[in-house]
Protein backbone atom coordinates (compact mmCIF):
# COMPACT_ATOMS: atom_id res chain seq x y z
CA MET A 1 30.28 -52.06 -82.50
CA TYR A 2 26.67 -51.41 -83.40
CA GLN A 3 26.05 -49.45 -80.20
CA GLY A 4 29.15 -47.36 -80.88
CA ILE A 5 27.96 -46.52 -84.34
CA ILE A 6 24.48 -45.63 -83.06
CA ASP A 7 25.71 -43.52 -80.21
CA SER A 8 28.22 -41.54 -82.42
CA LYS A 9 25.29 -40.48 -84.54
CA LEU A 10 23.11 -39.40 -81.57
CA LEU A 11 25.43 -36.68 -80.17
CA PRO A 12 26.96 -33.81 -82.03
CA PRO A 13 30.87 -33.81 -82.12
CA GLY A 14 32.53 -32.66 -79.03
CA THR A 15 29.63 -33.28 -76.71
CA ILE A 16 30.98 -34.29 -73.24
CA ASP A 17 27.63 -35.08 -71.47
CA PHE A 18 26.87 -38.64 -72.39
CA ASN A 19 23.73 -38.42 -70.23
CA LEU A 20 22.14 -36.81 -73.38
CA LEU A 21 22.23 -40.17 -75.16
CA ASN A 22 18.88 -41.72 -75.87
CA GLU A 23 18.11 -45.31 -74.74
CA VAL A 24 19.12 -47.68 -77.57
CA LEU A 25 17.50 -50.94 -78.57
CA ILE A 26 19.55 -53.00 -80.87
CA ILE A 27 17.72 -55.99 -82.46
CA MET A 28 19.58 -58.61 -84.55
CA ILE A 29 17.46 -61.21 -86.40
CA THR A 30 19.38 -64.36 -87.27
CA PRO A 31 18.34 -67.44 -89.22
CA PHE A 32 20.35 -69.53 -86.80
CA ASP A 33 20.74 -69.90 -83.00
CA LEU A 34 23.74 -67.71 -82.17
CA PHE A 35 23.91 -68.91 -78.54
CA GLY A 36 22.85 -72.55 -78.74
CA TYR A 37 19.98 -72.56 -76.12
CA ASP A 38 17.11 -73.07 -78.73
CA LEU A 39 15.50 -69.83 -77.74
CA TYR A 40 13.62 -67.41 -79.98
CA GLN A 41 14.85 -64.36 -78.05
CA TYR A 42 17.92 -63.42 -76.11
CA THR A 43 17.89 -60.11 -74.34
CA PHE A 44 21.13 -58.54 -72.90
CA GLN A 45 21.74 -55.59 -70.71
CA MET A 46 24.99 -54.55 -69.14
CA THR A 47 25.45 -56.19 -65.64
CA CYS A 48 28.48 -56.66 -63.40
CA GLU A 49 29.93 -60.10 -63.36
CA GLU A 50 30.97 -59.93 -59.72
CA VAL A 51 27.62 -58.40 -58.57
CA PRO A 52 24.96 -59.66 -61.07
CA GLU A 53 22.17 -57.41 -59.62
CA LEU A 54 24.40 -54.34 -60.37
CA LYS A 55 23.39 -53.00 -63.78
CA LEU A 56 25.42 -50.46 -65.68
CA ASP A 57 22.22 -48.70 -66.77
CA ASP A 58 23.85 -47.47 -69.99
CA GLY A 59 20.46 -47.27 -71.71
CA ALA A 60 21.31 -50.03 -74.19
CA THR A 61 19.42 -53.24 -74.65
CA ARG A 62 20.48 -55.79 -77.13
CA ILE A 63 18.05 -58.40 -78.40
CA PHE A 64 19.01 -61.35 -80.56
CA LEU A 65 16.10 -63.07 -82.27
CA ASN A 66 16.55 -66.54 -83.67
CA THR A 67 14.14 -67.65 -86.42
CA HIS A 68 14.69 -71.30 -85.39
CA GLY A 69 13.78 -71.13 -81.76
CA LYS A 70 12.14 -74.11 -80.01
CA HIS A 71 10.70 -72.65 -76.79
CA PRO A 72 7.50 -70.79 -77.61
CA GLU A 73 6.58 -70.55 -73.97
CA PHE A 74 9.03 -67.63 -73.53
CA VAL A 75 7.74 -65.30 -76.34
CA SER A 76 4.51 -64.18 -77.85
CA PRO A 77 2.88 -66.18 -80.65
CA GLU A 78 3.00 -63.06 -82.78
CA LEU A 79 6.79 -62.84 -82.49
CA ILE A 80 7.17 -66.52 -83.59
CA GLU A 81 4.85 -65.78 -86.63
CA LEU A 82 6.94 -62.70 -87.42
CA LEU A 83 10.21 -64.62 -87.23
CA LYS A 84 8.80 -67.30 -89.50
CA TYR A 85 7.68 -64.59 -91.92
CA MET A 86 11.05 -62.90 -91.83
CA GLU A 87 12.81 -66.00 -92.91
CA HIS A 88 10.17 -67.08 -95.50
CA SER A 89 7.97 -64.19 -96.72
CA THR A 90 5.57 -66.28 -98.68
CA GLU A 91 1.76 -66.44 -99.08
CA ARG A 92 1.80 -69.89 -97.52
CA ILE A 93 3.49 -68.57 -94.37
CA VAL A 94 1.21 -65.53 -94.16
CA LYS A 95 -1.88 -67.78 -94.43
CA THR A 96 -0.82 -69.57 -91.27
CA CYS A 97 -0.38 -66.30 -89.38
CA GLU A 98 -3.11 -65.11 -87.03
CA SER A 99 -1.46 -61.69 -86.56
CA GLU A 100 -3.34 -58.96 -88.42
CA ARG A 101 -0.24 -56.83 -88.22
CA ILE A 102 1.91 -59.33 -90.17
CA GLN A 103 -0.91 -59.85 -92.76
CA ALA A 104 -1.11 -56.10 -93.26
CA MET A 105 2.63 -55.83 -93.55
CA HIS A 106 2.78 -58.61 -96.08
CA LYS A 107 -0.05 -56.93 -98.15
CA ARG A 108 1.83 -53.64 -98.10
CA ILE A 109 5.05 -55.33 -99.17
CA CYS A 110 3.26 -57.16 -102.07
CA GLN A 111 1.75 -53.81 -103.14
CA ILE A 112 5.22 -52.27 -103.18
CA LYS A 113 6.77 -55.18 -105.12
CA ALA A 114 3.85 -55.28 -107.62
CA SER A 115 4.10 -51.56 -108.51
CA GLU A 116 7.37 -50.62 -110.17
CA LYS A 117 6.39 -46.96 -109.73
CA THR A 118 6.03 -47.33 -105.96
CA GLU A 119 9.18 -49.36 -105.68
CA VAL A 120 11.07 -46.70 -107.61
CA LYS A 121 9.50 -43.96 -105.44
CA TYR A 122 10.57 -45.74 -102.20
CA MET A 123 14.16 -46.16 -103.71
CA GLN A 124 14.26 -42.51 -104.81
CA ALA A 125 13.14 -41.27 -101.43
CA TRP A 126 15.74 -43.44 -99.70
CA GLU A 127 18.50 -42.26 -102.05
CA GLU A 128 17.37 -38.60 -101.68
CA ARG A 129 17.47 -38.86 -97.90
CA LEU A 130 20.94 -40.39 -98.17
CA MET A 131 22.16 -37.69 -100.53
CA VAL A 132 20.76 -34.90 -98.27
CA LYS A 133 22.46 -36.51 -95.31
CA GLN A 134 25.84 -36.85 -97.14
CA GLU A 135 25.51 -33.18 -98.29
CA GLY A 136 24.74 -32.03 -94.80
CA ILE A 137 27.81 -33.97 -93.46
CA LYS A 138 30.03 -32.41 -96.23
CA GLU A 139 28.68 -28.90 -95.44
CA GLY A 140 29.35 -29.51 -91.79
CA GLU A 141 32.87 -30.61 -92.43
CA LYS A 142 33.43 -27.44 -94.57
CA ILE A 143 32.18 -25.23 -91.80
CA ILE A 144 34.45 -27.00 -89.24
CA LEU A 145 37.42 -26.71 -91.55
CA ARG A 146 36.77 -22.95 -92.32
CA SER A 147 36.63 -22.41 -88.60
CA GLN A 148 39.82 -24.27 -87.91
CA ILE A 149 41.59 -22.36 -90.60
CA SER A 150 40.14 -19.05 -89.40
CA LYS A 151 41.37 -19.73 -85.86
CA LYS A 152 44.87 -20.58 -87.08
CA LEU A 153 44.94 -17.38 -89.23
CA ASP A 154 44.09 -15.40 -86.17
CA LYS A 155 47.08 -16.88 -84.44
CA LYS A 156 49.20 -15.70 -87.42
CA TYR A 157 50.05 -19.03 -88.96
CA SER A 158 50.88 -19.12 -92.57
CA ALA A 159 48.85 -21.14 -95.22
CA GLU A 160 51.79 -23.62 -95.36
CA GLN A 161 51.79 -24.10 -91.63
CA ILE A 162 48.06 -24.51 -91.57
CA ALA A 163 48.15 -27.01 -94.36
CA GLU A 164 50.76 -28.99 -92.49
CA MET A 165 48.86 -28.94 -89.15
CA LEU A 166 45.57 -29.93 -90.76
CA GLU A 167 47.16 -32.38 -93.25
CA LEU A 168 45.75 -30.50 -96.26
CA ASP A 169 47.07 -29.27 -99.61
CA VAL A 170 48.43 -25.75 -99.47
CA ALA A 171 46.23 -24.85 -102.53
CA ASP A 172 43.09 -25.98 -100.70
CA VAL A 173 44.03 -23.89 -97.63
CA GLU A 174 44.81 -20.95 -99.79
CA LYS A 175 41.40 -21.26 -101.53
CA ILE A 176 39.60 -21.24 -98.21
CA ILE A 177 41.65 -18.31 -96.96
CA LYS A 178 40.53 -16.36 -99.98
CA GLU A 179 36.90 -17.31 -99.32
CA LEU A 180 37.23 -16.22 -95.73
CA GLN A 181 38.82 -12.86 -96.69
CA LYS A 182 35.82 -12.16 -98.95
CA ASN A 183 33.36 -12.53 -96.11
């Protein structure tokens, strides 16, 4: 499901060439062992059950990280420290971390949390990006709808027929037709 959502955002609608997709790395961090082997990390790539050495090579890798793993020999100490920090982001945990990156990350997080102004700024920036994205999507939908209606008008369909075909209100179609006629 996650890969489908990611892939759907990477290609414009109507794209047929799926080779244009970027490689995708999906990382899930869980506070429990999803698979029961006591590992910190489980990495999956598409392989054929009948011929295990045959890979689908779909560009997708799925990594499941378990904050309660018990086999440190299979992962880096820094990953273990990060997983512990992800579960318990406290000063006590950070003091036990040798990773400078985790300490720097914690310091920055504390600065953001301590400053309401910075926290509000981050939230506003996030909200603004979301609003711009939503506006872009709406504008794109309007352009597509105008194009569909224009094509149907060229084929001499009436506003009522177009509304029925596109499952829209006749009044909305008529409004768009008037806008198209002005241009």
